[in-house]
PDB file of N, CA and C in Angstrom:
ATOM      1  N   UNK A   1      94.157  99.961 130.245  1.00  0.00           N
ATOM      2  CA  UNK A   1      93.694 100.684 131.405  1.00  0.00           C
ATOM      3  C   UNK A   1      94.212 100.067 132.704  1.00  0.00           C
ATOM      4  N   UNK A   2      94.394  98.763 132.698  1.00  0.00           N
ATOM      5  CA  UNK A   2      94.839  98.117 133.934  1.00  0.00           C
ATOM      6  C   UNK A   2      96.147  98.711 134.471  1.00  0.00           C
ATOM      7  N   UNK A   3      97.186  98.898 133.642  1.00  0.00           N
ATOM      8  CA  UNK A   3      98.421  99.488 134.167  1.00  0.00           C
ATOM      9  C   UNK A   3      98.211 100.900 134.724  1.00  0.00           C
ATOM     10  N   UNK A   4      97.317 101.661 134.125  1.00  0.00           N
ATOM     11  CA  UNK A   4      97.033 103.020 134.605  1.00  0.00           C
ATOM     12  C   UNK A   4      96.383 102.953 135.983  1.00  0.00           C
ATOM     13  N   UNK A   5      95.370 102.106 136.114  1.00  0.00           N
ATOM     14  CA  UNK A   5      94.642 101.968 137.381  1.00  0.00           C
ATOM     15  C   UNK A   5      95.572 101.446 138.475  1.00  0.00           C
ATOM     16  N   UNK A   6      96.336 100.398 138.157  1.00  0.00           N
ATOM     17  CA  UNK A   6      97.267  99.830 139.141  1.00  0.00           C
ATOM     18  C   UNK A   6      98.342 100.854 139.518  1.00  0.00           C
ATOM     19  N   UNK A   7      98.787 101.655 138.551  1.00  0.00           N
ATOM     20  CA  UNK A   7      99.788 102.682 138.817  1.00  0.00           C
ATOM     21  C   UNK A   7      99.301 103.742 139.793  1.00  0.00           C
ATOM     22  N   UNK A   8      97.992 103.959 139.808  1.00  0.00           N
ATOM     23  CA  UNK A   8      97.412 104.903 140.772  1.00  0.00           C
ATOM     24  C   UNK A   8      97.223 104.266 142.139  1.00  0.00           C
ATOM     25  N   UNK A   9      97.359 102.943 142.202  1.00  0.00           N
ATOM     26  CA  UNK A   9      97.158 102.246 143.472  1.00  0.00           C
ATOM     27  C   UNK A   9      95.704 101.918 143.747  1.00  0.00           C
ATOM     28  N   UNK A  10      94.879 101.924 142.705  1.00  0.00           N
ATOM     29  CA  UNK A  10      93.458 101.629 142.856  1.00  0.00           C
ATOM     30  C   UNK A  10      93.177 100.178 142.494  1.00  0.00           C
ATOM     31  N   UNK A  11      92.005  99.687 142.903  1.00  0.00           N
ATOM     32  CA  UNK A  11      91.606  98.314 142.616  1.00  0.00           C
ATOM     33  C   UNK A  11      91.129  98.200 141.171  1.00  0.00           C
ATOM     34  N   UNK A  12      91.732  97.306 140.414  1.00  0.00           N
ATOM     35  CA  UNK A  12      91.373  97.116 139.022  1.00  0.00           C
ATOM     36  C   UNK A  12      89.940  96.599 138.878  1.00  0.00           C
ATOM     37  N   UNK A  13      89.517  95.702 139.749  1.00  0.00           N
ATOM     38  CA  UNK A  13      88.196  95.095 139.617  1.00  0.00           C
ATOM     39  C   UNK A  13      87.092  96.141 139.616  1.00  0.00           C
ATOM     40  N   UNK A  14      87.140  97.095 140.519  1.00  0.00           N
ATOM     41  CA  UNK A  14      86.084  98.107 140.593  1.00  0.00           C
ATOM     42  C   UNK A  14      86.142  99.070 139.409  1.00  0.00           C
ATOM     43  N   UNK A  15      87.335  99.445 138.975  1.00  0.00           N
ATOM     44  CA  UNK A  15      87.451 100.346 137.828  1.00  0.00           C
ATOM     45  C   UNK A  15      87.046  99.635 136.534  1.00  0.00           C
ATOM     46  N   UNK A  16      87.381  98.352 136.414  1.00  0.00           N
ATOM     47  CA  UNK A  16      86.982  97.585 135.244  1.00  0.00           C
ATOM     48  C   UNK A  16      85.456  97.471 135.185  1.00  0.00           C
ATOM     49  N   UNK A  17      84.834  97.243 136.327  1.00  0.00           N
ATOM     50  CA  UNK A  17      83.365  97.163 136.374  1.00  0.00           C
ATOM     51  C   UNK A  17      82.751  98.502 135.975  1.00  0.00           C
ATOM     52  N   UNK A  18      83.331  99.602 136.465  1.00  0.00           N
ATOM     53  CA  UNK A  18      82.827 100.935 136.123  1.00  0.00           C
ATOM     54  C   UNK A  18      82.943 101.192 134.621  1.00  0.00           C
ATOM     55  N   UNK A  19      84.089 100.847 134.050  1.00  0.00           N
ATOM     56  CA  UNK A  19      84.300 101.055 132.618  1.00  0.00           C
ATOM     57  C   UNK A  19      83.333 100.213 131.787  1.00  0.00           C
ATOM     58  N   UNK A  20      83.174  98.956 132.150  1.00  0.00           N
ATOM     59  CA  UNK A  20      82.305  98.070 131.375  1.00  0.00           C
ATOM     60  C   UNK A  20      80.828  98.391 131.563  1.00  0.00           C
ATOM     61  N   UNK A  21      80.458  98.995 132.674  1.00  0.00           N
ATOM     62  CA  UNK A  21      79.067  99.398 132.894  1.00  0.00           C
ATOM     63  C   UNK A  21      78.696 100.592 132.008  1.00  0.00           C
ATOM     64  N   UNK A  22      79.686 101.364 131.609  1.00  0.00           N
ATOM     65  CA  UNK A  22      79.452 102.551 130.775  1.00  0.00           C
ATOM     66  C   UNK A  22      80.273 102.450 129.491  1.00  0.00           C
ATOM     67  N   UNK A  23      80.182 101.312 128.830  1.00  0.00           N
ATOM     68  CA  UNK A  23      80.986 101.044 127.637  1.00  0.00           C
ATOM     69  C   UNK A  23      80.827 102.122 126.566  1.00  0.00           C
ATOM     70  N   UNK A  24      79.594 102.542 126.307  1.00  0.00           N
ATOM     71  CA  UNK A  24      79.355 103.541 125.264  1.00  0.00           C
ATOM     72  C   UNK A  24      79.885 104.909 125.671  1.00  0.00           C
ATOM     73  N   UNK A  25      79.728 105.242 126.931  1.00  0.00           N
ATOM     74  CA  UNK A  25      80.196 106.551 127.417  1.00  0.00           C
ATOM     75  C   UNK A  25      81.707 106.709 127.259  1.00  0.00           C
ATOM     76  N   UNK A  26      82.445 105.649 127.581  1.00  0.00           N
ATOM     77  CA  UNK A  26      83.905 105.719 127.539  1.00  0.00           C
ATOM     78  C   UNK A  26      84.500 105.133 126.270  1.00  0.00           C
ATOM     79  N   UNK A  27      83.691 104.498 125.423  1.00  0.00           N
ATOM     80  CA  UNK A  27      84.210 103.881 124.204  1.00  0.00           C
ATOM     81  C   UNK A  27      85.113 102.703 124.498  1.00  0.00           C
ATOM     82  N   UNK A  28      84.749 101.907 125.488  1.00  0.00           N
ATOM     83  CA  UNK A  28      85.585 100.793 125.948  1.00  0.00           C
ATOM     84  C   UNK A  28      85.737  99.748 124.848  1.00  0.00           C
ATOM     85  N   UNK A  29      86.971  99.276 124.683  1.00  0.00           N
ATOM     86  CA  UNK A  29      87.277  98.194 123.746  1.00  0.00           C
ATOM     87  C   UNK A  29      87.982  97.092 124.527  1.00  0.00           C
ATOM     88  N   UNK A  30      87.483  95.872 124.395  1.00  0.00           N
ATOM     89  CA  UNK A  30      88.121  94.713 125.026  1.00  0.00           C
ATOM     90  C   UNK A  30      88.662  93.741 123.987  1.00  0.00           C
ATOM     91  N   UNK A  31      88.621  94.128 122.720  1.00  0.00           N
ATOM     92  CA  UNK A  31      89.021  93.203 121.663  1.00  0.00           C
ATOM     93  C   UNK A  31      90.438  93.436 121.147  1.00  0.00           C
ATOM     94  N   UNK A  32      91.189  94.270 121.814  1.00  0.00           N
ATOM     95  CA  UNK A  32      92.571  94.518 121.428  1.00  0.00           C
ATOM     96  C   UNK A  32      93.437  93.468 122.131  1.00  0.00           C
ATOM     97  N   UNK A  33      94.188  92.712 121.344  1.00  0.00           N
ATOM     98  CA  UNK A  33      94.970  91.600 121.891  1.00  0.00           C
ATOM     99  C   UNK A  33      96.446  91.961 121.875  1.00  0.00           C
ATOM    100  N   UNK A  34      97.120  91.616 122.960  1.00  0.00           N
ATOM    101  CA  UNK A  34      98.562  91.836 123.074  1.00  0.00           C
ATOM    102  C   UNK A  34      99.185  90.579 123.663  1.00  0.00           C
ATOM    103  N   UNK A  35     100.479  90.535 123.700  1.00  0.00           N
ATOM    104  CA  UNK A  35     101.173  89.387 124.296  1.00  0.00           C
ATOM    105  C   UNK A  35     101.865  89.837 125.572  1.00  0.00           C
ATOM    106  N   UNK A  36     101.779  88.989 126.601  1.00  0.00           N
ATOM    107  CA  UNK A  36     102.452  89.310 127.854  1.00  0.00           C
ATOM    108  C   UNK A  36     103.908  88.837 127.781  1.00  0.00           C
ATOM    109  N   UNK A  37     104.625  88.967 128.875  1.00  0.00           N
ATOM    110  CA  UNK A  37     106.054  88.646 128.898  1.00  0.00           C
ATOM    111  C   UNK A  37     106.331  87.181 128.580  1.00  0.00           C
ATOM    112  N   UNK A  38     105.383  86.298 128.906  1.00  0.00           N
ATOM    113  CA  UNK A  38     105.596  84.872 128.633  1.00  0.00           C
ATOM    114  C   UNK A  38     105.133  84.476 127.233  1.00  0.00           C
ATOM    115  N   UNK A  39     104.602  85.430 126.455  1.00  0.00           N
ATOM    116  CA  UNK A  39     104.184  85.152 125.087  1.00  0.00           C
ATOM    117  C   UNK A  39     102.720  84.785 124.932  1.00  0.00           C
ATOM    118  N   UNK A  40     101.979  84.733 126.036  1.00  0.00           N
ATOM    119  CA  UNK A  40     100.549  84.422 125.954  1.00  0.00           C
ATOM    120  C   UNK A  40      99.771  85.627 125.460  1.00  0.00           C
ATOM    121  N   UNK A  41      98.718  85.360 124.676  1.00  0.00           N
ATOM    122  CA  UNK A  41      97.856  86.443 124.211  1.00  0.00           C
ATOM    123  C   UNK A  41      96.885  86.831 125.310  1.00  0.00           C
ATOM    124  N   UNK A  42      96.664  88.135 125.457  1.00  0.00           N
ATOM    125  CA  UNK A  42      95.726  88.639 126.449  1.00  0.00           C
ATOM    126  C   UNK A  42      94.934  89.790 125.854  1.00  0.00           C
ATOM    127  N   UNK A  43      93.640  89.821 126.168  1.00  0.00           N
ATOM    128  CA  UNK A  43      92.802  90.936 125.733  1.00  0.00           C
ATOM    129  C   UNK A  43      93.063  92.126 126.652  1.00  0.00           C
ATOM    130  N   UNK A  44      93.127  93.306 126.070  1.00  0.00           N
ATOM    131  CA  UNK A  44      93.360  94.526 126.842  1.00  0.00           C
ATOM    132  C   UNK A  44      92.082  95.342 126.887  1.00  0.00           C
ATOM    133  N   UNK A  45      91.823  95.982 128.017  1.00  0.00           N
ATOM    134  CA  UNK A  45      90.724  96.929 128.129  1.00  0.00           C
ATOM    135  C   UNK A  45      91.301  98.300 127.841  1.00  0.00           C
ATOM    136  N   UNK A  46      90.761  98.952 126.822  1.00  0.00           N
ATOM    137  CA  UNK A  46      91.285 100.247 126.383  1.00  0.00           C
ATOM    138  C   UNK A  46      90.140 101.232 126.186  1.00  0.00           C
ATOM    139  N   UNK A  47      90.465 102.517 126.319  1.00  0.00           N
ATOM    140  CA  UNK A  47      89.521 103.579 125.972  1.00  0.00           C
ATOM    141  C   UNK A  47      90.268 104.581 125.101  1.00  0.00           C
ATOM    142  N   UNK A  48      89.546 105.291 124.231  1.00  0.00           N
ATOM    143  CA  UNK A  48      90.206 106.313 123.415  1.00  0.00           C
ATOM    144  C   UNK A  48      90.799 107.414 124.302  1.00  0.00           C
ATOM    145  N   UNK A  49      91.904 107.958 123.878  1.00  0.00           N
ATOM    146  CA  UNK A  49      92.579 108.999 124.648  1.00  0.00           C
ATOM    147  C   UNK A  49      91.681 110.203 124.913  1.00  0.00           C
ATOM    148  N   UNK A  50      90.805 110.529 123.976  1.00  0.00           N
ATOM    149  CA  UNK A  50      89.918 111.684 124.175  1.00  0.00           C
ATOM    150  C   UNK A  50      88.883 111.432 125.273  1.00  0.00           C
ATOM    151  N   UNK A  51      88.633 110.168 125.636  1.00  0.00           N
ATOM    152  CA  UNK A  51      87.691 109.834 126.711  1.00  0.00           C
ATOM    153  C   UNK A  51      88.370 109.712 128.073  1.00  0.00           C
ATOM    154  N   UNK A  52      89.685 109.685 128.063  1.00  0.00           N
ATOM    155  CA  UNK A  52      90.468 109.517 129.287  1.00  0.00           C
ATOM    156  C   UNK A  52      90.166 110.592 130.338  1.00  0.00           C
ATOM    157  N   UNK A  53      90.117 111.891 129.984  1.00  0.00           N
ATOM    158  CA  UNK A  53      89.810 112.909 131.004  1.00  0.00           C
ATOM    159  C   UNK A  53      88.433 112.708 131.642  1.00  0.00           C
ATOM    160  N   UNK A  54      87.456 112.255 130.872  1.00  0.00           N
ATOM    161  CA  UNK A  54      86.126 112.004 131.430  1.00  0.00           C
ATOM    162  C   UNK A  54      86.159 110.896 132.458  1.00  0.00           C
ATOM    163  N   UNK A  55      86.889 109.823 132.157  1.00  0.00           N
ATOM    164  CA  UNK A  55      87.020 108.733 133.133  1.00  0.00           C
ATOM    165  C   UNK A  55      87.800 109.207 134.353  1.00  0.00           C
ATOM    166  N   UNK A  56      88.851 109.972 134.115  1.00  0.00           N
ATOM    167  CA  UNK A  56      89.685 110.454 135.217  1.00  0.00           C
ATOM    168  C   UNK A  56      88.880 111.306 136.198  1.00  0.00           C
ATOM    169  N   UNK A  57      87.893 112.036 135.692  1.00  0.00           N
ATOM    170  CA  UNK A  57      87.044 112.847 136.563  1.00  0.00           C
ATOM    171  C   UNK A  57      86.177 112.016 137.498  1.00  0.00           C
ATOM    172  N   UNK A  58      86.009 110.730 137.196  1.00  0.00           N
ATOM    173  CA  UNK A  58      85.188 109.880 138.059  1.00  0.00           C
ATOM    174  C   UNK A  58      85.990 109.258 139.195  1.00  0.00           C
ATOM    175  N   UNK A  59      87.300 109.453 139.187  1.00  0.00           N
ATOM    176  CA  UNK A  59      88.167 108.865 140.204  1.00  0.00           C
ATOM    177  C   UNK A  59      88.051 109.661 141.504  1.00  0.00           C
ATOM    178  N   UNK A  60      87.829 108.949 142.596  1.00  0.00           N
ATOM    179  CA  UNK A  60      87.838 109.565 143.924  1.00  0.00           C
ATOM    180  C   UNK A  60      89.303 109.624 144.368  1.00  0.00           C
ATOM    181  N   UNK A  61      89.898 110.798 144.257  1.00  0.00           N
ATOM    182  CA  UNK A  61      91.333 110.923 144.542  1.00  0.00           C
ATOM    183  C   UNK A  61      91.680 110.631 145.996  1.00  0.00           C
ATOM    184  N   UNK A  62      90.713 110.697 146.883  1.00  0.00           N
ATOM    185  CA  UNK A  62      90.970 110.366 148.288  1.00  0.00           C
ATOM    186  C   UNK A  62      91.333 108.890 148.457  1.00  0.00           C
ATOM    187  N   UNK A  63      90.993 108.073 147.481  1.00  0.00           N
ATOM    188  CA  UNK A  63      91.292 106.641 147.561  1.00  0.00           C
ATOM    189  C   UNK A  63      92.671 106.293 146.999  1.00  0.00           C
ATOM    190  N   UNK A  64      93.370 107.262 146.451  1.00  0.00           N
ATOM    191  CA  UNK A  64      94.713 107.009 145.921  1.00  0.00           C
ATOM    192  C   UNK A  64      95.685 107.076 147.094  1.00  0.00           C
ATOM    193  N   UNK A  65      96.345 105.953 147.405  1.00  0.00           N
ATOM    194  CA  UNK A  65      97.170 105.903 148.620  1.00  0.00           C
ATOM    195  C   UNK A  65      98.444 106.744 148.588  1.00  0.00           C
ATOM    196  N   UNK A  66      99.082 106.877 147.458  1.00  0.00           N
ATOM    197  CA  UNK A  66     100.347 107.612 147.353  1.00  0.00           C
ATOM    198  C   UNK A  66     100.056 109.103 147.175  1.00  0.00           C
ATOM    199  N   UNK A  67     100.495 109.949 148.118  1.00  0.00           N
ATOM    200  CA  UNK A  67     100.217 111.384 148.034  1.00  0.00           C
ATOM    201  C   UNK A  67     100.751 112.048 146.756  1.00  0.00           C
ATOM    202  N   UNK A  68     101.902 111.616 146.270  1.00  0.00           N
ATOM    203  CA  UNK A  68     102.458 112.211 145.054  1.00  0.00           C
ATOM    204  C   UNK A  68     101.596 111.879 143.842  1.00  0.00           C
ATOM    205  N   UNK A  69     101.142 110.642 143.756  1.00  0.00           N
ATOM    206  CA  UNK A  69     100.275 110.233 142.648  1.00  0.00           C
ATOM    207  C   UNK A  69      98.937 110.948 142.762  1.00  0.00           C
ATOM    208  N   UNK A  70      98.403 111.021 143.973  1.00  0.00           N
ATOM    209  CA  UNK A  70      97.130 111.709 144.210  1.00  0.00           C
ATOM    210  C   UNK A  70      97.219 113.155 143.724  1.00  0.00           C
ATOM    211  N   UNK A  71      98.309 113.814 144.028  1.00  0.00           N
ATOM    212  CA  UNK A  71      98.494 115.212 143.639  1.00  0.00           C
ATOM    213  C   UNK A  71      98.551 115.362 142.117  1.00  0.00           C
ATOM    214  N   UNK A  72      99.241 114.438 141.441  1.00  0.00           N
ATOM    215  CA  UNK A  72      99.318 114.495 139.970  1.00  0.00           C
ATOM    216  C   UNK A  72      97.948 114.282 139.340  1.00  0.00           C
ATOM    217  N   UNK A  73      97.185 113.331 139.875  1.00  0.00           N
ATOM    218  CA  UNK A  73      95.848 113.069 139.330  1.00  0.00           C
ATOM    219  C   UNK A  73      94.950 114.276 139.568  1.00  0.00           C
ATOM    220  N   UNK A  74      95.017 114.868 140.743  1.00  0.00           N
ATOM    221  CA  UNK A  74      94.208 116.053 141.034  1.00  0.00           C
ATOM    222  C   UNK A  74      94.551 117.202 140.082  1.00  0.00           C
ATOM    223  N   UNK A  75      95.834 117.359 139.767  1.00  0.00           N
ATOM    224  CA  UNK A  75      96.227 118.414 138.823  1.00  0.00           C
ATOM    225  C   UNK A  75      95.661 118.143 137.434  1.00  0.00           C
ATOM    226  N   UNK A  76      95.684 116.876 137.004  1.00  0.00           N
ATOM    227  CA  UNK A  76      95.137 116.529 135.688  1.00  0.00           C
ATOM    228  C   UNK A  76      93.633 116.754 135.637  1.00  0.00           C
ATOM    229  N   UNK A  77      92.955 116.433 136.707  1.00  0.00           N
ATOM    230  CA  UNK A  77      91.492 116.560 136.745  1.00  0.00           C
ATOM    231  C   UNK A  77      91.084 118.021 136.745  1.00  0.00           C
ATOM    232  N   UNK A  78      91.837 118.872 137.414  1.00  0.00           N
ATOM    233  CA  UNK A  78      91.442 120.279 137.569  1.00  0.00           C
ATOM    234  C   UNK A  78      92.029 121.206 136.505  1.00  0.00           C
ATOM    235  N   UNK A  79      92.579 120.651 135.427  1.00  0.00           N
ATOM    236  CA  UNK A  79      93.115 121.505 134.361  1.00  0.00           C
ATOM    237  C   UNK A  79      92.012 122.041 133.505  1.00  0.00           C
TER     238      UNK A  79
END
C-alpha cells in the first residue's frame, strides 16, 4: 500500500493509521515479507484487491497535489 499512497502524493503515516484502525474492514495484512533493493527484509502492508475500491472511496481527492493523479483517482472512485 505504501507505494500506492506515495504515488498519489499522500502522507503514508495517516493512511497507514487509517488502514490499521480498520484492519477487519480492509483485510489488512502486515505479515507479508519482501526484500528491498539492499536485500533487507521488510514487512509490507497489503489489502486484498477486492477491498481496494472501498479504501479508495475514503481518500479525500482534494488532498492529492497532482491534478492528473487526482483526476485518475476521481474516475476510479466514481465508476
